Amino acid sequence: MSSARPLALLRAIAVTATLPLLLTACGYGSESTDDGKRSEVAADAEKLSVDEVKLGYFPNLTHANALVGIEEGLLQKELGATRIKSATFNAGPSEIEALNAGSIDIGWIGPSPSINGFTKSQGKNLRIIGGSASGGVKLVVNPDRIKSEDDLEGKKIATPQLGNTQDVAFLNWIAEKGWKVNAQSGRGDVSVVRTDNKVAPDAYRSGSIDGAWVPEPTASRLVAEGAEVLLDEADLWPDKKFVITNIIVSQKFLKEHPDVVEAVLRGSVRTNDWIKANPDKAKASANKALEELSGKALPKDVLDPAWESITFLDDPLASTLDSQAQHAVKAGLLEQPTLDGIYDLAPLNKVLKAENKEEVDDAGLGVK
């Protein structure tokens, strides 16, 4: 992102972003000391190459791999006597900043800030080392004003922020429909109204927006307000899968502590297995973690449909991250990025092989 326009976009994201995955503000880099079963260490547990590993993530359902892995002690189990120190974030730029500063070692984060962080550092600060979640993004609309996709022309549709993952996806979809919209201003055949997810339900109730292209649980919050789902973004992707959350690590930490990275990835893989084997328990565990972090659990009419639309997986779906970057280029929000080396999936594939699982592909964007 070296041109003036992408840099301006990145500054806007850094200033205005309350990342689309945010549920409730938890404060920049809010730290937590894990207790109870989450940090239980077996008496014979061995310490890895560090005393503690610093993990960053968001208090959101699409980060349930981290929420459940910590809540259920599954990550700690793989780390032995190496303790987890966790921090939650409001925005992707804040988490990238923390990674660069060494305040966290490994993080769960979305594709746009991953691309942003990698390109801004000329490929020197991070690697994507694993997948976490797919899906969980929907176009929801006021059914009294919009009956079909064609009815969107002339309407006001919210996205979380200029240039974020959902904003880019909506702009790309608009272009494919043949409508013209100025990506920067949002003005055109459809009005793209950048609206923080926290205030989107109020904006919908007041009638200032006619719908929204948003991630869960915001989509289900709007449905609870009377909106209807017009489109699930998953239907636009091959196999209905696209990355919404992946796992990143600082290159320095990856080089110096590969044993810890491997343990976290093994914990992540086993957490996803536990989620799939215990969906109801996992959903309750994630909601409990959200309540502890934000002070408020999700109500059932929001939690259930939001959880149902998210797929938890180990594959980072590298080809879809590349596609999202290309969509941003087509929208004029990003110069052609160099993403070679953004992935290092060797540690994950080592874990997957040991677990008798199929290895995953980096779409030609891995370290050479």
Protein backbone atom coordinates (compact mmCIF):
# COMPACT_ATOMS: atom_id res chain seq x y z
CA MET A 1 0.00 0.00 0.00
CA SER A 2 2.54 2.50 -1.13
CA SER A 3 0.50 5.08 -3.03
CA ALA A 4 -1.08 8.20 -1.55
CA ARG A 5 -4.58 6.83 -1.88
CA PRO A 6 -3.96 3.52 -0.06
CA LEU A 7 -1.96 5.32 2.61
CA ALA A 8 -4.84 7.71 3.16
CA LEU A 9 -7.13 4.72 3.39
CA LEU A 10 -4.91 3.04 5.94
CA ARG A 11 -4.81 6.20 8.03
CA ALA A 12 -8.58 6.35 7.90
CA ILE A 13 -8.83 2.75 8.97
CA ALA A 14 -6.36 3.25 11.79
CA VAL A 15 -8.27 6.26 13.11
CA THR A 16 -11.86 5.25 12.59
CA ALA A 17 -11.81 1.48 12.80
CA THR A 18 -13.73 -0.28 15.44
CA LEU A 19 -13.08 -3.46 13.56
CA PRO A 20 -16.19 -4.98 12.01
CA LEU A 21 -15.77 -7.98 14.21
CA LEU A 22 -16.14 -5.96 17.40
CA LEU A 23 -18.96 -6.70 19.82
CA THR A 24 -18.30 -4.28 22.64
CA ALA A 25 -15.38 -1.96 23.28
CA CYS A 26 -12.78 -3.63 25.44
CA GLY A 27 -10.10 -0.98 25.24
CA TYR A 28 -6.94 -0.94 23.21
CA GLY A 29 -4.82 -3.91 24.10
CA SER A 30 -6.84 -4.72 27.20
CA GLU A 31 -4.91 -7.38 29.06
CA SER A 32 -6.39 -10.24 31.01
CA THR A 33 -4.89 -12.72 33.43
CA ASP A 34 -6.39 -16.10 32.74
CA ASP A 35 -7.44 -18.11 35.76
CA GLY A 36 -9.43 -21.21 36.69
CA LYS A 37 -9.43 -24.09 34.22
CA ARG A 38 -8.16 -21.80 31.49
CA SER A 39 -4.66 -21.74 32.93
CA GLU A 40 -4.49 -25.04 34.76
CA VAL A 41 -1.06 -26.57 34.27
CA ALA A 42 -0.40 -30.24 34.91
CA ALA A 43 2.13 -30.96 37.64
CA ASP A 44 4.43 -32.71 35.19
CA ALA A 45 4.00 -30.12 32.41
CA GLU A 46 7.16 -28.94 30.73
CA LYS A 47 7.88 -25.32 29.88
CA LEU A 48 8.64 -24.52 26.28
CA SER A 49 11.24 -22.00 25.10
CA VAL A 50 9.50 -19.03 26.82
CA ASP A 51 7.85 -18.53 30.19
CA GLU A 52 4.74 -17.01 28.61
CA VAL A 53 3.22 -16.42 25.19
CA LYS A 54 1.23 -13.26 24.52
CA LEU A 55 -1.93 -13.85 22.50
CA GLY A 56 -4.16 -11.20 20.93
CA TYR A 57 -7.72 -11.53 19.65
CA PHE A 58 -11.11 -9.82 19.53
CA PRO A 59 -14.11 -10.39 21.80
CA ASN A 60 -16.18 -11.69 18.90
CA LEU A 61 -17.76 -14.91 17.71
CA THR A 62 -15.59 -15.06 14.60
CA HIS A 63 -12.65 -15.32 17.02
CA ALA A 64 -14.25 -18.24 18.85
CA ASN A 65 -11.24 -20.42 18.12
CA ALA A 66 -9.29 -18.23 20.55
CA LEU A 67 -12.23 -17.61 22.91
CA VAL A 68 -13.06 -21.31 23.30
CA GLY A 69 -9.45 -22.46 23.19
CA ILE A 70 -8.63 -20.25 26.15
CA GLU A 71 -11.93 -20.68 28.01
CA GLU A 72 -11.73 -24.47 27.87
CA GLY A 73 -8.01 -24.68 28.60
CA LEU A 74 -7.30 -26.36 25.26
CA LEU A 75 -4.57 -23.92 24.24
CA GLN A 76 -2.96 -23.98 27.68
CA LYS A 77 -2.86 -27.77 27.63
CA GLU A 78 -0.67 -27.76 24.52
CA LEU A 79 1.60 -25.07 25.93
CA GLY A 80 2.42 -27.05 29.06
CA ALA A 81 4.04 -24.83 31.70
CA THR A 82 4.36 -21.90 29.27
CA ARG A 83 1.62 -19.54 30.43
CA ILE A 84 -0.83 -17.62 28.25
CA LYS A 85 -1.04 -13.86 28.61
CA SER A 86 -3.96 -12.57 26.55
CA ALA A 87 -4.99 -9.16 25.25
CA THR A 88 -8.16 -8.09 23.44
CA PHE A 89 -8.39 -5.39 20.78
CA ASN A 90 -10.92 -3.08 19.23
CA ALA A 91 -9.31 -2.68 15.82
CA GLY A 92 -6.97 -4.44 13.42
CA PRO A 93 -4.43 -1.58 13.30
CA SER A 94 -4.15 -1.69 17.09
CA GLU A 95 -3.41 -5.40 17.07
CA ILE A 96 -0.85 -5.00 14.28
CA GLU A 97 0.77 -2.18 16.28
CA ALA A 98 0.92 -4.45 19.33
CA LEU A 99 2.47 -7.23 17.25
CA ASN A 100 5.09 -4.84 15.89
CA ALA A 101 5.87 -3.59 19.39
CA GLY A 102 6.18 -7.10 20.83
CA SER A 103 3.16 -6.59 23.10
CA ILE A 104 1.69 -9.73 21.57
CA ASP A 105 3.41 -12.64 19.85
CA ILE A 106 0.52 -14.36 18.08
CA GLY A 107 -2.86 -12.96 17.10
CA TRP A 108 -6.24 -13.79 15.60
CA ILE A 109 -7.15 -11.14 13.04
CA GLY A 110 -9.01 -10.48 9.79
CA PRO A 111 -7.65 -10.51 6.23
CA SER A 112 -7.59 -6.75 5.61
CA PRO A 113 -5.36 -5.83 8.57
CA SER A 114 -3.17 -8.85 7.77
CA ILE A 115 -2.61 -7.52 4.25
CA ASN A 116 -2.22 -3.99 5.60
CA GLY A 117 0.38 -4.96 8.20
CA PHE A 118 2.37 -7.11 5.80
CA THR A 119 2.51 -4.58 2.97
CA LYS A 120 3.21 -1.55 5.18
CA SER A 121 6.27 -3.32 6.61
CA GLN A 122 7.46 -4.47 3.16
CA GLY A 123 6.81 -8.03 4.27
CA LYS A 124 9.00 -7.89 7.37
CA ASN A 125 6.68 -7.95 10.37
CA LEU A 126 4.25 -10.88 10.25
CA ARG A 127 3.32 -14.21 8.76
CA ILE A 128 -0.09 -15.81 8.48
CA ILE A 129 0.36 -19.25 10.00
CA GLY A 130 -3.14 -20.68 10.14
CA GLY A 131 -6.83 -20.36 9.54
CA SER A 132 -9.52 -19.81 12.12
CA ALA A 133 -12.94 -18.95 10.68
CA SER A 134 -14.86 -18.56 7.44
CA GLY A 135 -18.14 -16.87 6.61
CA GLY A 136 -20.44 -15.00 8.95
CA VAL A 137 -21.11 -12.03 6.63
CA LYS A 138 -24.56 -11.13 5.26
CA LEU A 139 -26.47 -8.47 3.38
CA VAL A 140 -29.52 -7.72 5.50
CA VAL A 141 -32.22 -5.27 4.42
CA ASN A 142 -35.44 -3.57 5.42
CA PRO A 143 -38.06 -5.85 3.80
CA ASP A 144 -40.52 -2.95 3.47
CA ARG A 145 -38.09 -1.06 1.23
CA ILE A 146 -36.11 -3.82 -0.48
CA LYS A 147 -37.71 -6.97 -1.89
CA SER A 148 -34.94 -8.11 -4.25
CA GLU A 149 -31.34 -7.33 -5.14
CA ASP A 150 -32.49 -4.98 -7.91
CA ASP A 151 -34.26 -2.84 -5.32
CA LEU A 152 -30.91 -1.80 -3.83
CA GLU A 153 -30.42 0.87 -6.49
CA GLY A 154 -30.93 4.25 -4.86
CA LYS A 155 -30.90 2.80 -1.35
CA LYS A 156 -28.55 3.44 1.59
CA ILE A 157 -26.57 0.37 2.63
CA ALA A 158 -24.16 0.37 5.57
CA THR A 159 -20.72 -1.19 5.71
CA PRO A 160 -18.55 -1.09 8.86
CA GLN A 161 -15.82 1.27 7.60
CA LEU A 162 -14.09 2.59 4.51
CA GLY A 163 -11.86 -0.07 3.00
CA ASN A 164 -12.54 -2.79 5.54
CA THR A 165 -13.14 -6.38 4.43
CA GLN A 166 -16.93 -6.06 4.17
CA ASP A 167 -16.74 -2.63 2.51
CA VAL A 168 -14.47 -4.01 -0.21
CA ALA A 169 -16.70 -7.06 -0.69
CA PHE A 170 -19.81 -4.90 -1.09
CA LEU A 171 -18.10 -2.51 -3.51
CA ASN A 172 -16.96 -5.49 -5.58
CA TRP A 173 -20.46 -6.96 -5.62
CA ILE A 174 -21.95 -3.59 -6.63
CA ALA A 175 -19.51 -3.36 -9.53
CA GLU A 176 -20.39 -6.87 -10.67
CA LYS A 177 -24.06 -5.86 -10.66
CA GLY A 178 -23.18 -3.03 -13.04
CA TRP A 179 -23.79 -0.14 -10.64
CA LYS A 180 -21.35 2.76 -10.29
CA VAL A 181 -20.21 3.98 -6.88
CA ASN A 182 -17.35 6.27 -5.89
CA ALA A 183 -15.36 4.04 -3.54
CA GLN A 184 -14.03 6.90 -1.43
CA SER A 185 -17.26 8.87 -0.92
CA GLY A 186 -19.69 5.97 -1.17
CA ARG A 187 -21.92 8.02 -3.47
CA GLY A 188 -23.42 6.54 -6.59
CA ASP A 189 -26.17 4.25 -7.84
CA VAL A 190 -26.18 2.74 -4.35
CA SER A 191 -25.22 4.85 -1.33
CA VAL A 192 -22.55 3.09 0.74
CA VAL A 193 -22.85 4.48 4.25
CA ARG A 194 -19.87 3.68 6.48
CA THR A 195 -21.43 2.97 9.87
CA ASP A 196 -19.80 1.59 13.00
CA ASN A 197 -21.29 -1.80 13.85
CA LYS A 198 -22.13 -0.64 17.35
CA VAL A 199 -24.53 2.01 16.02
CA ALA A 200 -25.84 0.11 12.98
CA PRO A 201 -28.97 -1.16 14.85
CA ASP A 202 -29.84 2.42 15.89
CA ALA A 203 -29.25 3.61 12.32
CA TYR A 204 -31.54 0.88 11.05
CA ARG A 205 -34.27 1.69 13.58
CA SER A 206 -34.15 5.38 12.68
CA GLY A 207 -34.41 4.65 8.98
CA SER A 208 -31.11 6.33 8.12
CA ILE A 209 -29.97 3.10 6.43
CA ASP A 210 -32.02 0.66 4.39
CA GLY A 211 -29.77 -2.30 5.03
CA ALA A 212 -26.19 -3.38 5.74
CA TRP A 213 -23.43 -5.67 4.46
CA VAL A 214 -22.01 -6.69 7.82
CA PRO A 215 -20.42 -9.54 9.77
CA GLU A 216 -21.95 -11.48 12.60
CA PRO A 217 -23.27 -10.82 15.12
CA THR A 218 -24.26 -7.41 13.69
CA ALA A 219 -26.25 -9.08 10.91
CA SER A 220 -28.28 -11.09 13.42
CA ARG A 221 -28.72 -8.01 15.62
CA LEU A 222 -30.31 -6.25 12.64
CA VAL A 223 -32.50 -9.27 11.89
CA ALA A 224 -33.68 -9.08 15.50
CA GLU A 225 -34.69 -5.49 14.69
CA GLY A 226 -36.84 -6.69 11.78
CA ALA A 227 -34.36 -6.85 8.90
CA GLU A 228 -34.23 -9.86 6.58
CA VAL A 229 -31.26 -11.63 5.04
CA LEU A 230 -31.09 -10.86 1.32
CA LEU A 231 -27.71 -12.45 0.63
CA ASP A 232 -25.15 -14.57 2.49
CA GLU A 233 -21.67 -13.65 1.22
CA ALA A 234 -20.66 -17.30 1.47
CA ASP A 235 -22.88 -17.96 -1.56
CA LEU A 236 -20.53 -15.82 -3.67
CA TRP A 237 -17.41 -17.90 -2.94
CA PRO A 238 -16.22 -21.30 -4.19
CA ASP A 239 -17.35 -24.03 -1.77
CA LYS A 240 -19.05 -21.21 0.18
CA LYS A 241 -15.81 -20.52 2.07
CA PHE A 242 -13.79 -17.32 2.49
CA VAL A 243 -11.43 -16.19 5.20
CA ILE A 244 -12.83 -13.93 7.90
CA THR A 245 -10.24 -14.64 10.62
CA ASN A 246 -6.72 -16.07 10.42
CA ILE A 247 -3.80 -16.51 12.82
CA ILE A 248 -0.68 -14.37 12.51
CA VAL A 249 2.68 -14.34 14.30
CA SER A 250 5.55 -11.90 14.42
CA GLN A 251 8.39 -13.12 12.23
CA LYS A 252 10.83 -12.60 15.09
CA PHE A 253 8.82 -14.81 17.45
CA LEU A 254 8.33 -17.46 14.75
CA LYS A 255 12.08 -17.64 14.17
CA GLU A 256 13.07 -17.69 17.85
CA HIS A 257 10.28 -19.87 19.31
CA PRO A 258 8.99 -22.36 16.73
CA ASP A 259 8.07 -24.81 19.50
CA VAL A 260 5.62 -22.32 21.01
CA VAL A 261 4.13 -21.48 17.62
CA GLU A 262 3.63 -25.17 16.92
CA ALA A 263 1.98 -25.67 20.33
CA VAL A 264 -0.46 -22.80 19.74
CA LEU A 265 -1.33 -24.16 16.30
CA ARG A 266 -1.85 -27.64 17.72
CA GLY A 267 -4.11 -26.11 20.36
CA SER A 268 -6.01 -24.23 17.65
CA VAL A 269 -6.50 -27.39 15.56
CA ARG A 270 -7.68 -29.36 18.58
CA THR A 271 -9.96 -26.50 19.62
CA ASN A 272 -11.62 -26.57 16.19
CA ASP A 273 -12.06 -30.32 16.58
CA TRP A 274 -13.66 -29.75 20.00
CA ILE A 275 -15.96 -27.06 18.59
CA LYS A 276 -17.14 -29.41 15.84
CA ALA A 277 -17.65 -32.30 18.26
CA ASN A 278 -19.41 -30.15 20.88
CA PRO A 279 -21.22 -27.35 18.99
CA ASP A 280 -23.67 -26.42 21.74
CA LYS A 281 -21.04 -26.50 24.48
CA ALA A 282 -18.69 -24.52 22.27
CA LYS A 283 -21.32 -21.88 21.55
CA ALA A 284 -22.04 -21.54 25.27
CA SER A 285 -18.32 -21.40 26.05
CA ALA A 286 -17.75 -18.63 23.51
CA ASN A 287 -20.70 -16.65 24.85
CA LYS A 288 -19.41 -17.05 28.41
CA ALA A 289 -16.04 -15.71 27.32
CA LEU A 290 -17.74 -12.79 25.59
CA GLU A 291 -19.69 -11.98 28.74
CA GLU A 292 -16.50 -12.05 30.82
CA LEU A 293 -14.71 -9.78 28.34
CA SER A 294 -17.49 -7.34 27.46
CA GLY A 295 -19.83 -7.57 30.45
CA LYS A 296 -22.75 -8.76 28.33
CA ALA A 297 -23.62 -12.07 26.72
CA LEU A 298 -25.37 -12.31 23.37
CA PRO A 299 -29.11 -13.04 23.54
CA LYS A 300 -30.26 -16.34 22.07
CA ASP A 301 -32.01 -14.77 19.06
CA VAL A 302 -28.68 -13.20 18.05
CA LEU A 303 -26.27 -15.90 19.23
CA ASP A 304 -27.88 -18.88 17.51
CA PRO A 305 -28.11 -17.60 13.92
CA ALA A 306 -24.75 -15.83 14.17
CA TRP A 307 -23.01 -19.00 15.34
CA GLU A 308 -24.71 -21.09 12.67
CA SER A 309 -23.30 -18.95 9.85
CA ILE A 310 -19.64 -19.23 10.91
CA THR A 311 -17.42 -22.16 9.94
CA PHE A 312 -14.37 -22.87 12.08
CA LEU A 313 -11.46 -24.34 10.15
CA ASP A 314 -7.70 -24.75 10.10
CA ASP A 315 -7.21 -23.80 6.45
CA PRO A 316 -6.44 -20.06 6.04
CA LEU A 317 -8.10 -20.17 2.59
CA ALA A 318 -5.17 -18.33 1.07
CA SER A 319 -6.68 -17.98 -2.38
CA THR A 320 -9.63 -16.06 -0.95
CA LEU A 321 -7.33 -13.60 0.84
CA ASP A 322 -5.62 -12.96 -2.47
CA SER A 323 -9.04 -12.46 -4.11
CA GLN A 324 -10.03 -9.96 -1.41
CA ALA A 325 -6.85 -8.00 -2.09
CA GLN A 326 -7.67 -7.98 -5.81
CA HIS A 327 -11.19 -6.75 -5.09
CA ALA A 328 -9.67 -3.79 -3.22
CA VAL A 329 -7.41 -3.09 -6.19
CA LYS A 330 -10.41 -3.16 -8.57
CA ALA A 331 -12.29 -0.76 -6.30
CA GLY A 332 -9.40 1.69 -6.45
CA LEU A 333 -8.69 1.41 -2.74
CA LEU A 334 -5.38 -0.41 -3.04
CA GLU A 335 -2.43 -0.51 -5.39
CA GLN A 336 -1.41 -3.97 -6.51
CA PRO A 337 0.16 -5.45 -3.37
CA THR A 338 3.09 -7.84 -3.16
CA LEU A 339 1.90 -10.67 -0.94
CA ASP A 340 4.67 -13.17 -1.63
CA GLY A 341 5.76 -14.60 1.69
CA ILE A 342 2.71 -13.53 3.69
CA TYR A 343 2.12 -17.19 4.59
CA ASP A 344 4.27 -19.72 6.40
CA LEU A 345 2.13 -22.82 6.69
CA ALA A 346 4.94 -25.29 7.39
CA PRO A 347 4.28 -25.36 11.18
CA LEU A 348 0.54 -25.85 10.63
CA ASN A 349 1.06 -28.58 8.05
CA LYS A 350 3.41 -30.34 10.47
CA VAL A 351 0.64 -30.31 13.08
CA LEU A 352 -2.01 -31.41 10.58
CA LYS A 353 0.14 -34.30 9.38
CA ALA A 354 0.66 -35.46 12.97
CA GLU A 355 -3.12 -35.29 13.49
CA ASN A 356 -3.70 -37.33 10.31
CA LYS A 357 -5.36 -34.37 8.62
CA GLU A 358 -5.04 -33.03 5.11
CA GLU A 359 -2.36 -30.38 4.65
CA VAL A 360 -3.34 -26.89 3.45
CA ASP A 361 -2.12 -24.74 0.57
CA ASP A 362 -0.68 -21.21 0.55
CA ALA A 363 -1.89 -20.36 -2.99
CA GLY A 364 1.68 -19.60 -4.02
CA LEU A 365 2.01 -16.84 -1.40
CA GLY A 366 4.20 -18.74 1.05
CA VAL A 367 7.78 -18.18 2.09
CA LYS A 368 10.25 -19.55 -0.41
